[in-house]
């Protein structure tokens, strides 16, 4: 259905007002002495832990040269520090300093006050519409930028059950890219993912196990698997849940998770579980919204370096 010209102009007008009211026309943002790009860089580092300049450039949608200058200023101000990745001497990992953590805490406090104050002017029953509207529009902008969706020549993204050619390579690639940037994992981790995934796929056909892929055209954009553990109390192990960096924020993660957990429920499994790492807040929110609860946390070094691992369990019927 074609969008009317009046709708387009109304949305443009509302977007301009939003940008101005949030302060993006000013040289500094959120009650700080930092420009908007620096504010977003610090928040991104805080949300995702140690990261790289390349990861920031991708997340902030900025040129690498712009990010390099931005990081130089934050280093000079003492907001961040950079260290050589012990597994890859060519890569520098960025983390917040104590001062940087204080700055982010102040930015978060400012943002929460700003949102809470604005919501006071909106009747409570209408407040959820603010979130749904902003989320939908943000996802639509991302989909248009990525060429995903109705306007894309490659066609819509579909959830494909089972194996298809190139799936193994793409799943391994997405895991290696994501966890090298966020956790500093290297060759050991990638080899472990590759060997375990290959063993799983080799026994996939004719079993109760399941694999689901988010696919657009011929390209795999995401995956999730259920590895059924039989015995006295059968359970489903949720594994290899990953999305391509540019496919996040489009609701594909929820679709994949729903497909996997629906499979568990149809099998009558009384529980399912997964292992993940602390600090992946967006993923944790998604797991908890699907009924998973944290039951165990421990320090381990099975992925090549010590990290804080977390086990989440979902009981049957807990999906929301």
Protein backbone atom coordinates (compact mmCIF):
# COMPACT_ATOMS: atom_id res chain seq x y z
CA UNK A 1 0.00 0.00 0.00
CA UNK A 2 1.41 3.40 -1.01
CA UNK A 3 2.02 5.83 1.84
CA UNK A 4 0.28 9.19 1.49
CA UNK A 5 2.30 12.37 1.05
CA UNK A 6 0.66 13.88 4.11
CA UNK A 7 1.76 10.93 6.27
CA UNK A 8 5.33 11.30 5.04
CA UNK A 9 5.39 15.02 5.81
CA UNK A 10 3.82 14.52 9.25
CA UNK A 11 6.47 11.94 10.16
CA UNK A 12 9.25 14.22 8.89
CA UNK A 13 7.87 17.06 11.01
CA UNK A 14 7.65 14.85 14.11
CA UNK A 15 11.20 13.57 13.50
CA UNK A 16 12.59 17.11 13.33
CA UNK A 17 10.84 18.02 16.56
CA UNK A 18 12.14 14.89 18.30
CA UNK A 19 15.74 15.53 17.23
CA UNK A 20 15.58 19.15 18.42
CA UNK A 21 13.89 18.38 21.73
CA UNK A 22 16.47 15.68 22.53
CA UNK A 23 19.22 18.23 22.00
CA UNK A 24 20.95 16.83 18.94
CA UNK A 25 21.21 20.30 17.38
CA UNK A 26 23.43 21.47 20.22
CA UNK A 27 27.21 20.87 20.34
CA UNK A 28 26.90 18.79 23.53
CA UNK A 29 24.31 16.25 24.68
CA UNK A 30 22.60 14.92 27.79
CA UNK A 31 23.86 17.57 30.21
CA UNK A 32 27.48 16.67 29.48
CA UNK A 33 30.37 18.43 27.76
CA UNK A 34 30.46 15.72 25.09
CA UNK A 35 29.12 15.78 21.52
CA UNK A 36 26.35 13.32 20.59
CA UNK A 37 28.73 10.88 18.87
CA UNK A 38 30.94 10.67 21.98
CA UNK A 39 27.91 10.12 24.22
CA UNK A 40 26.73 7.25 22.04
CA UNK A 41 30.23 5.76 21.87
CA UNK A 42 30.54 5.65 25.67
CA UNK A 43 27.08 4.13 26.06
CA UNK A 44 27.89 1.49 23.42
CA UNK A 45 31.12 0.52 25.17
CA UNK A 46 29.28 0.34 28.49
CA UNK A 47 26.49 -1.85 27.10
CA UNK A 48 28.67 -4.34 25.25
CA UNK A 49 31.87 -4.40 27.27
CA UNK A 50 35.32 -4.39 25.66
CA UNK A 51 34.96 -3.55 21.99
CA UNK A 52 36.95 -2.37 19.00
CA UNK A 53 37.01 0.74 16.84
CA UNK A 54 35.61 -1.29 13.93
CA UNK A 55 32.69 -2.51 16.04
CA UNK A 56 31.94 1.06 17.18
CA UNK A 57 32.03 2.35 13.62
CA UNK A 58 29.50 -0.29 12.63
CA UNK A 59 27.24 0.30 15.64
CA UNK A 60 27.28 4.10 15.36
CA UNK A 61 27.02 4.09 11.54
CA UNK A 62 30.12 6.31 11.27
CA UNK A 63 33.18 6.26 9.05
CA UNK A 64 36.23 4.62 10.59
CA UNK A 65 38.19 7.87 10.29
CA UNK A 66 35.50 9.73 12.26
CA UNK A 67 35.52 7.06 14.97
CA UNK A 68 39.32 7.20 15.15
CA UNK A 69 39.25 10.95 15.83
CA UNK A 70 36.41 10.51 18.33
CA UNK A 71 38.28 7.81 20.26
CA UNK A 72 41.42 9.92 20.32
CA UNK A 73 39.53 12.67 22.12
CA UNK A 74 37.93 10.25 24.60
CA UNK A 75 41.35 8.73 25.34
CA UNK A 76 42.79 12.20 25.94
CA UNK A 77 39.92 13.03 28.32
CA UNK A 78 40.53 9.83 30.29
CA UNK A 79 37.07 8.39 29.53
CA UNK A 80 38.34 5.20 27.89
CA UNK A 81 41.46 3.08 27.71
CA UNK A 82 42.74 0.77 24.99
CA UNK A 83 44.70 -2.45 25.35
CA UNK A 84 46.21 -4.88 22.88
CA UNK A 85 44.11 -8.02 22.45
CA UNK A 86 46.33 -10.84 23.81
CA UNK A 87 44.94 -13.21 21.16
CA UNK A 88 45.45 -10.78 18.25
CA UNK A 89 48.22 -8.21 18.57
CA UNK A 90 46.80 -6.23 15.64
CA UNK A 91 43.59 -5.45 17.55
CA UNK A 92 43.02 -2.92 20.33
CA UNK A 93 40.15 -3.40 22.76
CA UNK A 94 38.40 -0.37 24.23
CA UNK A 95 37.04 -0.22 27.78
CA UNK A 96 35.70 2.48 30.07
CA UNK A 97 37.93 3.93 32.76
CA UNK A 98 36.60 4.69 36.24
CA UNK A 99 35.95 8.23 35.02
CA UNK A 100 34.21 6.84 31.95
CA UNK A 101 31.90 4.72 34.09
CA UNK A 102 31.01 7.80 36.15
CA UNK A 103 30.29 9.73 32.97
CA UNK A 104 28.01 6.98 31.64
CA UNK A 105 26.18 6.79 34.98
CA UNK A 106 25.49 10.52 34.73
CA UNK A 107 24.35 10.17 31.11
CA UNK A 108 21.99 7.33 32.05
CA UNK A 109 20.56 9.33 34.94
CA UNK A 110 19.96 12.33 32.68
CA UNK A 111 18.29 10.16 30.04
CA UNK A 112 16.02 8.42 32.54
CA UNK A 113 14.93 11.76 34.03
CA UNK A 114 14.26 13.16 30.58
CA UNK A 115 12.12 10.21 29.47
CA UNK A 116 10.25 9.97 32.78
CA UNK A 117 9.46 13.69 32.74
CA UNK A 118 8.15 13.51 29.17
CA UNK A 119 5.96 10.50 29.95
CA UNK A 120 4.26 12.48 32.72
CA UNK A 121 2.59 14.46 29.91
CA UNK A 122 1.16 11.33 28.28
CA UNK A 123 -1.78 9.38 29.77
CA UNK A 124 -0.56 6.07 31.17
CA UNK A 125 -2.68 3.89 28.81
CA UNK A 126 -1.04 5.62 25.83
CA UNK A 127 2.56 5.34 27.05
CA UNK A 128 3.20 1.86 25.55
CA UNK A 129 2.34 3.31 22.13
CA UNK A 130 5.37 5.58 22.40
CA UNK A 131 7.67 2.57 22.72
CA UNK A 132 5.97 0.51 20.01
CA UNK A 133 5.88 3.44 17.59
CA UNK A 134 9.51 4.44 18.08
CA UNK A 135 10.64 0.80 17.89
CA UNK A 136 8.68 0.12 14.72
CA UNK A 137 9.97 3.25 13.01
CA UNK A 138 13.56 2.58 14.05
CA UNK A 139 13.34 -0.98 12.74
CA UNK A 140 11.79 0.25 9.49
CA UNK A 141 14.64 2.73 8.97
CA UNK A 142 17.16 -0.05 9.61
CA UNK A 143 15.35 -2.41 7.25
CA UNK A 144 15.35 0.22 4.51
CA UNK A 145 19.06 0.93 5.02
CA UNK A 146 19.87 -2.79 4.86
CA UNK A 147 17.52 -3.53 1.99
CA UNK A 148 15.55 -5.99 4.12
CA UNK A 149 11.81 -6.33 3.77
CA UNK A 150 9.15 -5.62 1.17
CA UNK A 151 11.27 -3.12 -0.75
CA UNK A 152 14.28 -5.41 -1.00
CA UNK A 153 15.24 -7.08 -4.27
CA UNK A 154 16.39 -10.08 -2.24
CA UNK A 155 12.89 -10.58 -0.88
CA UNK A 156 11.65 -10.87 2.71
CA UNK A 157 13.47 -12.59 5.53
CA UNK A 158 11.99 -16.02 6.25
CA UNK A 159 12.59 -18.49 9.08
CA UNK A 160 13.81 -21.65 7.37
CA UNK A 161 13.68 -24.93 9.34
CA UNK A 162 16.62 -27.28 8.88
CA UNK A 163 19.96 -27.18 7.15
CA UNK A 164 20.67 -25.41 3.88
CA UNK A 165 23.93 -24.90 1.94
CA UNK A 166 26.34 -22.30 3.42
CA UNK A 167 24.58 -22.46 6.81
CA UNK A 168 27.54 -23.90 8.72
CA UNK A 169 29.99 -21.38 7.34
CA UNK A 170 27.70 -18.44 8.06
CA UNK A 171 26.88 -19.57 11.62
CA UNK A 172 30.57 -19.99 12.40
CA UNK A 173 31.39 -16.63 10.78
CA UNK A 174 28.69 -14.77 12.74
CA UNK A 175 29.82 -16.30 16.04
CA UNK A 176 33.48 -15.50 15.37
CA UNK A 177 32.72 -11.90 14.40
CA UNK A 178 30.41 -11.23 17.34
CA UNK A 179 32.43 -12.82 20.14
CA UNK A 180 35.83 -11.61 18.94
CA UNK A 181 34.54 -8.05 19.24
CA UNK A 182 32.67 -8.43 22.51
CA UNK A 183 34.69 -11.00 24.42
CA UNK A 184 38.03 -11.13 22.66
CA UNK A 185 37.62 -14.77 21.66
CA UNK A 186 39.90 -16.01 18.90
CA UNK A 187 41.03 -19.16 17.12
CA UNK A 188 40.24 -21.54 19.99
CA UNK A 189 36.62 -20.37 20.18
CA UNK A 190 36.06 -20.44 16.43
CA UNK A 191 37.47 -23.97 16.14
CA UNK A 192 35.27 -25.17 19.02
CA UNK A 193 32.14 -23.69 17.45
CA UNK A 194 33.03 -25.23 14.09
CA UNK A 195 33.67 -28.74 15.42
CA UNK A 196 30.62 -28.89 17.69
CA UNK A 197 28.30 -27.39 15.08
CA UNK A 198 29.52 -29.83 12.41
CA UNK A 199 28.93 -32.76 14.76
CA UNK A 200 25.42 -31.49 15.53
CA UNK A 201 24.42 -31.00 11.89
CA UNK A 202 25.72 -34.46 10.97
CA UNK A 203 23.15 -36.02 13.33
CA UNK A 204 20.35 -33.53 12.63
CA UNK A 205 18.36 -35.51 10.06
CA UNK A 206 15.90 -38.00 11.52
CA UNK A 207 16.35 -36.78 15.10
CA UNK A 208 14.28 -34.65 17.46
CA UNK A 209 16.89 -31.92 17.19
CA UNK A 210 16.10 -28.75 15.30
CA UNK A 211 17.85 -25.96 13.42
CA UNK A 212 16.24 -22.72 12.25
CA UNK A 213 17.77 -20.10 9.99
CA UNK A 214 16.76 -16.52 9.23
CA UNK A 215 17.28 -16.33 5.47
CA UNK A 216 16.93 -13.56 2.92
CA UNK A 217 17.35 -14.74 -0.62
CA UNK A 218 20.38 -17.02 -0.43
CA UNK A 219 21.97 -15.31 2.58
CA UNK A 220 21.75 -16.67 6.14
CA UNK A 221 21.24 -13.78 8.58
CA UNK A 222 20.73 -15.71 11.82
CA UNK A 223 20.38 -19.10 13.44
CA UNK A 224 19.26 -21.03 16.50
CA UNK A 225 19.27 -24.74 17.34
CA UNK A 226 17.74 -27.12 19.84
CA UNK A 227 19.93 -30.07 20.83
CA UNK A 228 17.63 -32.53 22.62
CA UNK A 229 19.23 -34.38 25.53
CA UNK A 230 17.41 -37.65 26.15
CA UNK A 231 17.30 -39.61 29.37
CA UNK A 232 15.14 -39.75 32.45
CA UNK A 233 14.34 -36.04 32.19
CA UNK A 234 14.66 -35.00 28.53
CA UNK A 235 15.53 -31.35 28.00
CA UNK A 236 16.32 -29.03 25.12
CA UNK A 237 19.70 -27.33 24.92
CA UNK A 238 19.32 -24.02 23.03
CA UNK A 239 22.53 -23.43 21.04
CA UNK A 240 24.08 -21.29 18.30
CA UNK A 241 21.63 -18.41 18.69
CA UNK A 242 23.17 -15.61 16.66
CA UNK A 243 22.24 -12.78 14.29
CA UNK A 244 24.30 -10.99 11.70
CA UNK A 245 25.39 -7.58 13.00
CA UNK A 246 23.34 -5.65 10.44
CA UNK A 247 20.20 -7.78 10.97
CA UNK A 248 19.74 -6.86 14.63
CA UNK A 249 16.84 -4.71 15.75
CA UNK A 250 14.41 -6.14 13.19
CA UNK A 251 12.66 -8.66 15.43
CA UNK A 252 14.40 -11.65 13.85
CA UNK A 253 15.82 -12.81 17.18
CA UNK A 254 12.35 -13.13 18.67
CA UNK A 255 11.13 -15.05 15.63
CA UNK A 256 14.01 -17.51 15.80
CA UNK A 257 13.60 -17.98 19.54
CA UNK A 258 9.85 -18.54 19.16
CA UNK A 259 10.47 -21.22 16.52
CA UNK A 260 12.96 -23.06 18.72
CA UNK A 261 10.87 -22.92 21.89
CA UNK A 262 7.73 -23.89 19.99
CA UNK A 263 9.60 -27.03 18.90
CA UNK A 264 10.46 -27.81 22.54
CA UNK A 265 6.83 -27.40 23.57
CA UNK A 266 5.57 -29.63 20.76
CA UNK A 267 8.01 -32.33 21.88
CA UNK A 268 6.61 -32.05 25.40
CA UNK A 269 9.98 -31.20 26.93
CA UNK A 270 9.56 -30.09 30.52
CA UNK A 271 12.48 -27.67 30.31
CA UNK A 272 15.05 -26.08 28.06
CA UNK A 273 18.27 -24.31 28.92
CA UNK A 274 21.12 -22.27 27.49
CA UNK A 275 24.56 -21.03 28.45
CA UNK A 276 25.68 -17.47 27.74
CA UNK A 277 28.07 -14.84 29.07
CA UNK A 278 27.43 -11.98 31.47
CA UNK A 279 27.30 -8.50 30.00
CA UNK A 280 25.19 -9.38 26.95
CA UNK A 281 22.24 -7.36 28.25
CA UNK A 282 20.16 -7.26 25.06
CA UNK A 283 20.31 -11.05 24.71
CA UNK A 284 19.51 -11.56 28.39
CA UNK A 285 16.41 -9.37 28.07
CA UNK A 286 15.27 -11.47 25.12
CA UNK A 287 15.82 -14.73 27.02
CA UNK A 288 13.97 -13.50 30.10
CA UNK A 289 11.05 -12.24 28.02
CA UNK A 290 10.75 -15.79 26.64
CA UNK A 291 10.56 -17.31 30.12
CA UNK A 292 14.20 -18.14 30.86
CA UNK A 293 15.54 -17.49 34.36
CA UNK A 294 19.14 -17.28 35.55
CA UNK A 295 19.98 -20.30 37.72
CA UNK A 296 23.78 -20.44 37.77
CA UNK A 297 26.77 -18.17 37.24
CA UNK A 298 30.43 -19.17 37.34
CA UNK A 299 33.89 -18.23 36.10
CA UNK A 300 35.21 -20.58 33.43
CA UNK A 301 37.93 -20.75 30.80
CA UNK A 302 36.56 -23.30 28.33
CA UNK A 303 36.44 -20.76 25.47
CA UNK A 304 40.11 -19.83 25.49
CA UNK A 305 40.03 -17.15 28.18
CA UNK A 306 38.28 -16.67 31.50
CA UNK A 307 34.74 -15.28 31.35
CA UNK A 308 31.66 -15.22 33.57
CA UNK A 309 29.27 -17.86 32.21
CA UNK A 310 25.54 -17.90 32.97
CA UNK A 311 23.02 -20.72 32.74
CA UNK A 312 19.38 -19.88 32.04
CA UNK A 313 16.52 -22.39 32.34
CA UNK A 314 12.99 -22.22 30.97
CA UNK A 315 10.24 -24.47 32.31
CA UNK A 316 7.54 -25.70 29.95
CA UNK A 317 4.69 -23.25 29.52
CA UNK A 318 6.83 -20.28 30.62
CA UNK A 319 7.00 -18.66 27.18
CA UNK A 320 5.37 -15.26 27.02
